[in-house]
Amino acid sequence: MRTAPALVDTHGRVHRDLRISLTDRCSLRCTYCMPEQGNEWLARTSILSLDEVERVAAVAAAAGVTTFRLTGGEPLLRSDIVEVVARLARLRGPDGPVQVAMTTNGIRLPEFLPALVDAGLHRLNISIDTLDRERFRSLTRRDRLDDVLAGIAAAAASPLTPLKLNAVAMRDVNEDELVDLVAFAVGHGAQMRFIEQMPLDAGHTWSRERMVTREEILERLSSRWRLAPVPGRGGAPAETWTLDGGPHTVGVIASVTAPFCGACDRLRLTADGQLRNCLFSTTEFDLLPILRAGHEEHVEREALDAMLRGCIIRKLPGHAIDDPSFLQPARGMNAIGG
């Protein structure tokens, strides 16, 4: 496929990262993401097929996207997940082969990991908010901590590096475990990353008062380790610090108190084919009519490329969470893609 001009918005940000949600379904029911019952799942007929995901990704790669991160819901619930990885891993852009990463809860990793590695997966992020069994059950409404820990152990023993573990820091929930979580990550050769809780829950119950801030996280960690900032963040969502001079590091994604919108290089594609230029966007760009119109290949590619550029050109300078006019997206995090 021929290359296309880079995906640049009106603020000069070059977009090189596409996050692809493969499903809105999940094996857990984390309180900050979705309700325990009564979820309105996306219609199966609206979910992008394997071929459709590949066609969108190919156009994005030709325009300079170098990283595809597979998310959900839980991406390992897709029965064709190994083939999704294999097809994306074969794509090339102007700068060479693309990278394929995945964010998962880890529960099905022992089952799929060897095949995912063979298919060309490059990196893994695994979510784990607590090491306490009762707390895990309360937070996720499922008794699956052992399965998550087994998935982390399998990932740590695999060639997929660097392994990153993600936790949402929540007041009166797991803020007392931050040091323990970092120590756990270090013991598995992984980087722990703490995420400020964001207004993305399906129930719209988020409040700033319950969010543990970047500064609070760093203060707690400083009681155990000497922290030194790592320079050269670029467009990465996490700021990182070395622990006692390294080599181990810890990251903080402070989307609320220290937003990194000015360096954002990400786009998002929902499982039902909606393109989003920001995690907090209330506007979506529907790719399904293009993908299912039966166009000739070159016509479809041109239409998808135009939609990508139209989405990016409308990207705002920031998410404006602190603005009184801010509106929380109608979709929850599981339907947008983590």
Protein backbone atom coordinates (compact mmCIF):
# COMPACT_ATOMS: atom_id res chain seq x y z
CA MET A 1 0.00 0.00 0.00
CA ARG A 2 1.32 3.43 -0.87
CA THR A 3 2.20 5.77 1.96
CA ALA A 4 0.23 8.90 2.76
CA PRO A 5 1.07 12.20 4.46
CA ALA A 6 1.43 12.06 8.23
CA LEU A 7 -1.64 12.46 10.45
CA VAL A 8 -1.12 15.96 11.85
CA ASP A 9 -3.78 18.00 13.66
CA THR A 10 -4.19 21.77 13.75
CA HIS A 11 -1.99 21.97 16.85
CA GLY A 12 0.97 20.27 15.18
CA ARG A 13 0.60 16.91 16.93
CA VAL A 14 1.63 13.96 14.76
CA HIS A 15 -0.49 10.87 15.43
CA ARG A 16 1.37 7.55 15.53
CA ASP A 17 -0.72 5.45 17.94
CA LEU A 18 -4.10 3.83 17.26
CA ARG A 19 -5.89 2.10 20.13
CA ILE A 20 -8.27 -0.53 18.80
CA SER A 21 -11.03 -1.85 21.04
CA LEU A 22 -12.00 -5.38 20.01
CA THR A 23 -15.01 -5.84 22.30
CA ASP A 24 -16.94 -4.03 25.02
CA ARG A 25 -17.36 -7.27 26.99
CA CYS A 26 -15.19 -8.17 29.95
CA SER A 27 -14.69 -11.01 32.40
CA LEU A 28 -14.56 -8.53 35.29
CA ARG A 29 -16.93 -5.77 36.45
CA CYS A 30 -14.61 -3.13 37.91
CA THR A 31 -16.56 -0.50 39.80
CA TYR A 32 -14.85 2.41 38.02
CA CYS A 33 -15.65 0.98 34.59
CA MET A 34 -19.08 -0.69 34.42
CA PRO A 35 -22.02 -1.77 36.57
CA GLU A 36 -22.26 -5.35 37.82
CA GLN A 37 -25.54 -6.00 36.00
CA GLY A 38 -27.74 -4.37 33.40
CA ASN A 39 -25.00 -3.64 30.88
CA GLU A 40 -26.23 -2.82 27.40
CA TRP A 41 -23.69 -4.58 25.19
CA LEU A 42 -22.94 -3.52 21.65
CA ALA A 43 -24.90 -5.45 19.05
CA ARG A 44 -22.78 -8.27 17.68
CA THR A 45 -23.60 -7.20 14.13
CA SER A 46 -21.99 -3.82 14.82
CA ILE A 47 -18.67 -5.26 16.03
CA LEU A 48 -15.82 -4.83 13.58
CA SER A 49 -14.82 -8.09 11.92
CA LEU A 50 -11.24 -9.31 11.65
CA ASP A 51 -11.06 -8.13 8.03
CA GLU A 52 -12.51 -4.71 8.92
CA VAL A 53 -10.01 -4.18 11.71
CA GLU A 54 -7.18 -5.07 9.36
CA ARG A 55 -8.41 -2.73 6.60
CA VAL A 56 -8.64 0.26 8.93
CA ALA A 57 -5.23 -0.53 10.44
CA ALA A 58 -3.63 -0.81 7.01
CA VAL A 59 -4.79 2.68 6.06
CA ALA A 60 -3.59 4.04 9.42
CA ALA A 61 -0.19 2.36 9.00
CA ALA A 62 0.22 3.87 5.54
CA ALA A 63 -0.40 7.29 7.12
CA GLY A 64 2.33 6.82 9.70
CA VAL A 65 0.72 5.03 12.64
CA THR A 66 3.48 2.89 14.14
CA THR A 67 1.77 1.33 17.18
CA PHE A 68 -1.53 -0.51 17.46
CA ARG A 69 -2.71 -1.23 21.00
CA LEU A 70 -5.49 -3.80 21.33
CA THR A 71 -7.94 -3.09 24.13
CA GLY A 72 -11.50 -3.75 25.25
CA GLY A 73 -13.44 -4.59 27.33
CA GLU A 74 -11.16 -7.60 27.50
CA PRO A 75 -9.47 -8.27 24.14
CA LEU A 76 -8.71 -11.91 24.98
CA LEU A 77 -12.46 -12.62 24.86
CA ARG A 78 -12.27 -12.29 21.06
CA SER A 79 -12.11 -15.79 19.63
CA ASP A 80 -9.97 -14.54 16.73
CA ILE A 81 -7.52 -12.57 18.89
CA VAL A 82 -4.44 -14.47 17.73
CA GLU A 83 -5.27 -13.85 14.07
CA VAL A 84 -5.97 -10.15 14.80
CA VAL A 85 -2.46 -9.85 16.23
CA ALA A 86 -0.93 -11.81 13.34
CA ARG A 87 -2.53 -9.64 10.68
CA LEU A 88 -1.64 -6.36 12.33
CA ALA A 89 1.92 -7.49 13.02
CA ARG A 90 2.42 -8.03 9.27
CA LEU A 91 1.61 -4.40 8.45
CA ARG A 92 4.34 -1.98 7.44
CA GLY A 93 4.33 1.80 7.35
CA PRO A 94 6.70 4.42 5.94
CA ASP A 95 9.18 3.68 8.75
CA GLY A 96 8.98 -0.10 8.59
CA PRO A 97 7.05 -2.77 10.55
CA VAL A 98 4.46 -1.64 13.09
CA GLN A 99 4.36 -2.61 16.77
CA VAL A 100 1.39 -4.44 18.27
CA ALA A 101 0.66 -4.11 21.99
CA MET A 102 -2.21 -5.21 24.20
CA THR A 103 -3.89 -4.13 27.43
CA THR A 104 -5.56 -7.04 29.25
CA ASN A 105 -6.75 -8.17 32.67
CA GLY A 106 -4.48 -11.19 32.23
CA ILE A 107 -7.04 -13.86 33.08
CA ARG A 108 -6.69 -15.78 29.80
CA LEU A 109 -3.01 -15.07 29.19
CA PRO A 110 -1.67 -18.51 30.20
CA GLU A 111 -3.95 -20.01 27.55
CA PHE A 112 -3.12 -17.57 24.73
CA LEU A 113 0.37 -16.23 25.42
CA PRO A 114 2.50 -18.67 23.39
CA ALA A 115 0.30 -18.19 20.32
CA LEU A 116 0.26 -14.40 20.77
CA VAL A 117 4.05 -14.31 20.92
CA ASP A 118 4.28 -16.44 17.77
CA ALA A 119 1.74 -14.17 16.06
CA GLY A 120 3.94 -11.12 16.62
CA LEU A 121 2.69 -9.40 19.78
CA HIS A 122 5.38 -7.02 21.07
CA ARG A 123 4.24 -5.70 24.47
CA LEU A 124 1.71 -6.26 27.25
CA ASN A 125 0.04 -4.08 29.85
CA ILE A 126 -1.86 -5.95 32.56
CA SER A 127 -4.36 -4.33 34.91
CA ILE A 128 -4.18 -5.13 38.61
CA ASP A 129 -5.57 -2.71 41.18
CA THR A 130 -5.06 -4.71 44.35
CA LEU A 131 -3.22 -7.74 45.73
CA ASP A 132 -5.82 -8.37 48.43
CA ARG A 133 -8.28 -11.14 47.60
CA GLU A 134 -11.35 -9.70 49.33
CA ARG A 135 -10.61 -6.25 48.00
CA PHE A 136 -10.19 -7.66 44.49
CA ARG A 137 -13.54 -9.42 44.75
CA SER A 138 -15.23 -6.24 45.96
CA LEU A 139 -13.62 -4.05 43.31
CA THR A 140 -14.14 -6.36 40.31
CA ARG A 141 -17.23 -8.27 41.56
CA ARG A 142 -15.41 -11.46 40.57
CA ASP A 143 -13.16 -13.86 42.49
CA ARG A 144 -10.41 -14.03 39.86
CA LEU A 145 -7.28 -12.70 41.59
CA ASP A 146 -5.45 -16.02 41.27
CA ASP A 147 -6.13 -16.03 37.53
CA VAL A 148 -4.79 -12.50 37.12
CA LEU A 149 -1.67 -13.36 39.12
CA ALA A 150 -1.13 -16.44 36.95
CA GLY A 151 -1.41 -14.26 33.86
CA ILE A 152 1.18 -11.83 35.23
CA ALA A 153 3.54 -14.69 36.05
CA ALA A 154 3.17 -16.05 32.52
CA ALA A 155 3.83 -12.63 31.01
CA ALA A 156 6.88 -12.09 33.22
CA ALA A 157 8.33 -15.37 31.96
CA SER A 158 7.67 -14.50 28.32
CA PRO A 159 9.86 -12.53 25.88
CA LEU A 160 7.37 -9.64 25.85
CA THR A 161 9.23 -6.75 27.46
CA PRO A 162 8.94 -4.29 29.00
CA LEU A 163 5.99 -5.65 30.96
CA LYS A 164 3.80 -2.94 32.49
CA LEU A 165 1.22 -3.32 35.24
CA ASN A 166 -1.56 -0.75 35.55
CA ALA A 167 -3.55 0.24 38.63
CA VAL A 168 -6.18 2.92 39.10
CA ALA A 169 -5.41 4.68 42.37
CA MET A 170 -8.61 5.15 44.39
CA ARG A 171 -9.18 6.82 47.72
CA ASP A 172 -10.32 4.50 50.52
CA VAL A 173 -9.96 1.56 48.12
CA ASN A 174 -6.32 0.80 47.33
CA GLU A 175 -4.30 3.90 48.21
CA ASP A 176 -2.72 1.96 51.09
CA GLU A 177 -1.36 -0.62 48.62
CA LEU A 178 0.65 1.64 46.32
CA VAL A 179 4.03 0.67 47.79
CA ASP A 180 3.09 -3.02 47.84
CA LEU A 181 2.02 -2.91 44.21
CA VAL A 182 5.32 -1.36 43.13
CA ALA A 183 7.27 -3.98 45.09
CA PHE A 184 5.17 -6.70 43.46
CA ALA A 185 5.91 -5.28 39.99
CA VAL A 186 9.63 -5.03 40.71
CA GLY A 187 9.60 -8.66 41.82
CA HIS A 188 8.21 -9.62 38.40
CA GLY A 189 10.61 -7.43 36.43
CA ALA A 190 7.73 -5.13 35.49
CA GLN A 191 7.01 -1.41 35.70
CA MET A 192 4.08 -0.39 37.90
CA ARG A 193 1.99 2.47 36.54
CA PHE A 194 -0.63 4.28 38.58
CA ILE A 195 -3.53 5.98 36.83
CA GLU A 196 -5.54 8.85 38.25
CA GLN A 197 -9.19 7.81 38.23
CA MET A 198 -10.93 9.55 35.33
CA PRO A 199 -14.60 10.46 34.66
CA LEU A 200 -15.22 7.46 32.42
CA ASP A 201 -17.39 5.15 34.53
CA ALA A 202 -20.64 3.98 32.94
CA GLY A 203 -22.61 5.12 35.99
CA HIS A 204 -21.18 8.68 35.86
CA THR A 205 -20.41 8.59 39.59
CA TRP A 206 -16.83 9.94 39.35
CA SER A 207 -15.84 12.65 41.78
CA ARG A 208 -12.56 14.50 42.12
CA GLU A 209 -12.61 13.99 45.88
CA ARG A 210 -12.30 10.19 45.51
CA MET A 211 -9.39 10.47 43.08
CA VAL A 212 -5.86 9.93 44.39
CA THR A 213 -3.74 12.58 42.71
CA ARG A 214 -0.31 12.38 41.14
CA GLU A 215 1.23 14.28 44.04
CA GLU A 216 -0.34 11.97 46.61
CA ILE A 217 0.91 8.91 44.74
CA LEU A 218 4.46 10.27 44.59
CA GLU A 219 4.35 11.24 48.26
CA ARG A 220 3.43 7.69 49.28
CA LEU A 221 6.09 6.13 47.07
CA SER A 222 8.72 8.55 48.35
CA SER A 223 8.27 7.07 51.81
CA ARG A 224 9.85 3.86 50.48
CA TRP A 225 12.08 4.83 47.53
CA ARG A 226 14.15 7.75 46.35
CA LEU A 227 12.42 8.92 43.17
CA ALA A 228 14.17 10.67 40.28
CA PRO A 229 12.31 11.74 37.11
CA VAL A 230 13.24 10.02 33.86
CA PRO A 231 13.66 12.57 31.03
CA GLY A 232 12.48 12.13 27.45
CA ARG A 233 8.80 11.31 27.95
CA GLY A 234 7.77 12.29 24.42
CA GLY A 235 4.16 11.39 23.70
CA ALA A 236 3.96 8.64 26.34
CA PRO A 237 0.99 8.97 28.72
CA ALA A 238 3.06 8.10 31.81
CA GLU A 239 5.67 10.18 33.56
CA THR A 240 8.31 7.85 34.98
CA TRP A 241 10.69 7.92 37.92
CA THR A 242 13.59 5.65 38.84
CA LEU A 243 13.45 3.82 42.16
CA ASP A 244 16.59 4.37 44.24
CA GLY A 245 18.58 5.23 41.14
CA GLY A 246 17.27 2.36 38.99
CA PRO A 247 17.13 0.19 37.05
CA HIS A 248 13.51 -0.24 38.17
CA THR A 249 11.01 2.52 37.45
CA VAL A 250 7.45 3.53 38.31
CA GLY A 251 5.01 5.49 36.17
CA VAL A 252 2.10 7.82 36.85
CA ILE A 253 -0.59 8.69 34.31
CA ALA A 254 -2.05 11.93 35.64
CA SER A 255 -4.70 12.69 33.04
CA VAL A 256 -6.66 14.90 35.43
CA THR A 257 -4.13 16.90 37.49
CA ALA A 258 -1.23 16.96 34.99
CA PRO A 259 -2.73 16.38 31.52
CA PHE A 260 -0.38 15.60 28.66
CA CYS A 261 -2.73 16.66 25.86
CA GLY A 262 -0.08 18.87 24.24
CA ALA A 263 1.96 15.81 23.27
CA CYS A 264 -0.92 13.39 22.61
CA ASP A 265 -0.34 11.23 19.53
CA ARG A 266 -3.28 8.83 19.96
CA LEU A 267 -6.48 7.99 18.16
CA ARG A 268 -9.06 5.44 19.28
CA LEU A 269 -11.26 3.02 17.36
CA THR A 270 -14.18 1.51 19.24
CA ALA A 271 -15.28 -2.08 18.76
CA ASP A 272 -18.26 -0.88 16.72
CA GLY A 273 -16.20 1.16 14.30
CA GLN A 274 -16.37 4.64 15.80
CA LEU A 275 -13.21 6.72 15.48
CA ARG A 276 -12.44 9.04 18.40
CA ASN A 277 -9.72 11.71 18.58
CA CYS A 278 -9.71 11.87 22.38
CA LEU A 279 -10.57 9.53 25.23
CA PHE A 280 -12.97 12.19 26.53
CA SER A 281 -14.44 13.18 23.18
CA THR A 282 -18.21 13.43 22.83
CA THR A 283 -17.94 13.24 19.02
CA GLU A 284 -17.36 10.07 17.02
CA PHE A 285 -16.68 9.36 13.36
CA ASP A 286 -18.50 6.28 12.05
CA LEU A 287 -16.38 4.03 9.82
CA LEU A 288 -18.97 1.25 9.43
CA PRO A 289 -20.79 2.79 6.45
CA ILE A 290 -17.50 2.99 4.57
CA LEU A 291 -16.38 -0.50 5.55
CA ARG A 292 -19.70 -2.13 4.62
CA ALA A 293 -20.57 -0.21 1.46
CA GLY A 294 -18.89 -2.68 -0.86
CA HIS A 295 -16.53 -0.09 -2.36
CA GLU A 296 -13.64 -1.04 -4.56
CA GLU A 297 -10.46 -1.33 -2.51
CA HIS A 298 -8.89 1.96 -3.60
CA VAL A 299 -12.15 3.86 -3.05
CA GLU A 300 -12.50 2.44 0.47
CA ARG A 301 -8.88 3.26 1.33
CA GLU A 302 -9.32 6.86 0.21
CA ALA A 303 -12.57 7.21 2.18
CA LEU A 304 -11.03 5.75 5.35
CA ASP A 305 -7.97 7.98 5.00
CA ALA A 306 -10.22 11.04 4.60
CA MET A 307 -12.19 10.04 7.71
CA LEU A 308 -8.98 9.64 9.74
CA ARG A 309 -7.84 13.09 8.71
CA GLY A 310 -11.26 14.64 9.29
CA CYS A 311 -11.29 13.19 12.80
CA ILE A 312 -7.80 14.46 13.60
CA ILE A 313 -8.35 17.95 12.20
CA ARG A 314 -11.20 18.39 14.70
CA LYS A 315 -9.11 17.38 17.69
CA LEU A 316 -9.23 19.98 20.47
CA PRO A 317 -6.10 21.21 22.25
CA GLY A 318 -7.12 19.44 25.48
CA HIS A 319 -9.84 17.46 27.26
CA ALA A 320 -10.99 20.38 29.47
CA ILE A 321 -11.92 18.24 32.49
CA ASP A 322 -11.46 21.33 34.67
CA ASP A 323 -13.73 23.47 32.49
CA PRO A 324 -17.25 24.00 33.89
CA SER A 325 -18.64 23.04 30.47
CA PHE A 326 -16.96 19.61 30.49
CA LEU A 327 -19.31 16.75 29.62
CA GLN A 328 -18.44 13.16 30.49
CA PRO A 329 -18.60 10.87 27.44
CA ALA A 330 -21.81 8.89 27.17
CA ARG A 331 -19.85 5.65 26.73
CA GLY A 332 -18.15 3.98 29.63
CA MET A 333 -14.50 3.01 29.46
CA ASN A 334 -15.29 -0.57 28.41
CA ALA A 335 -17.19 0.70 25.35
CA ILE A 336 -14.54 3.27 24.40
CA GLY A 337 -11.51 1.04 24.85
CA GLY A 338 -8.91 1.25 27.61
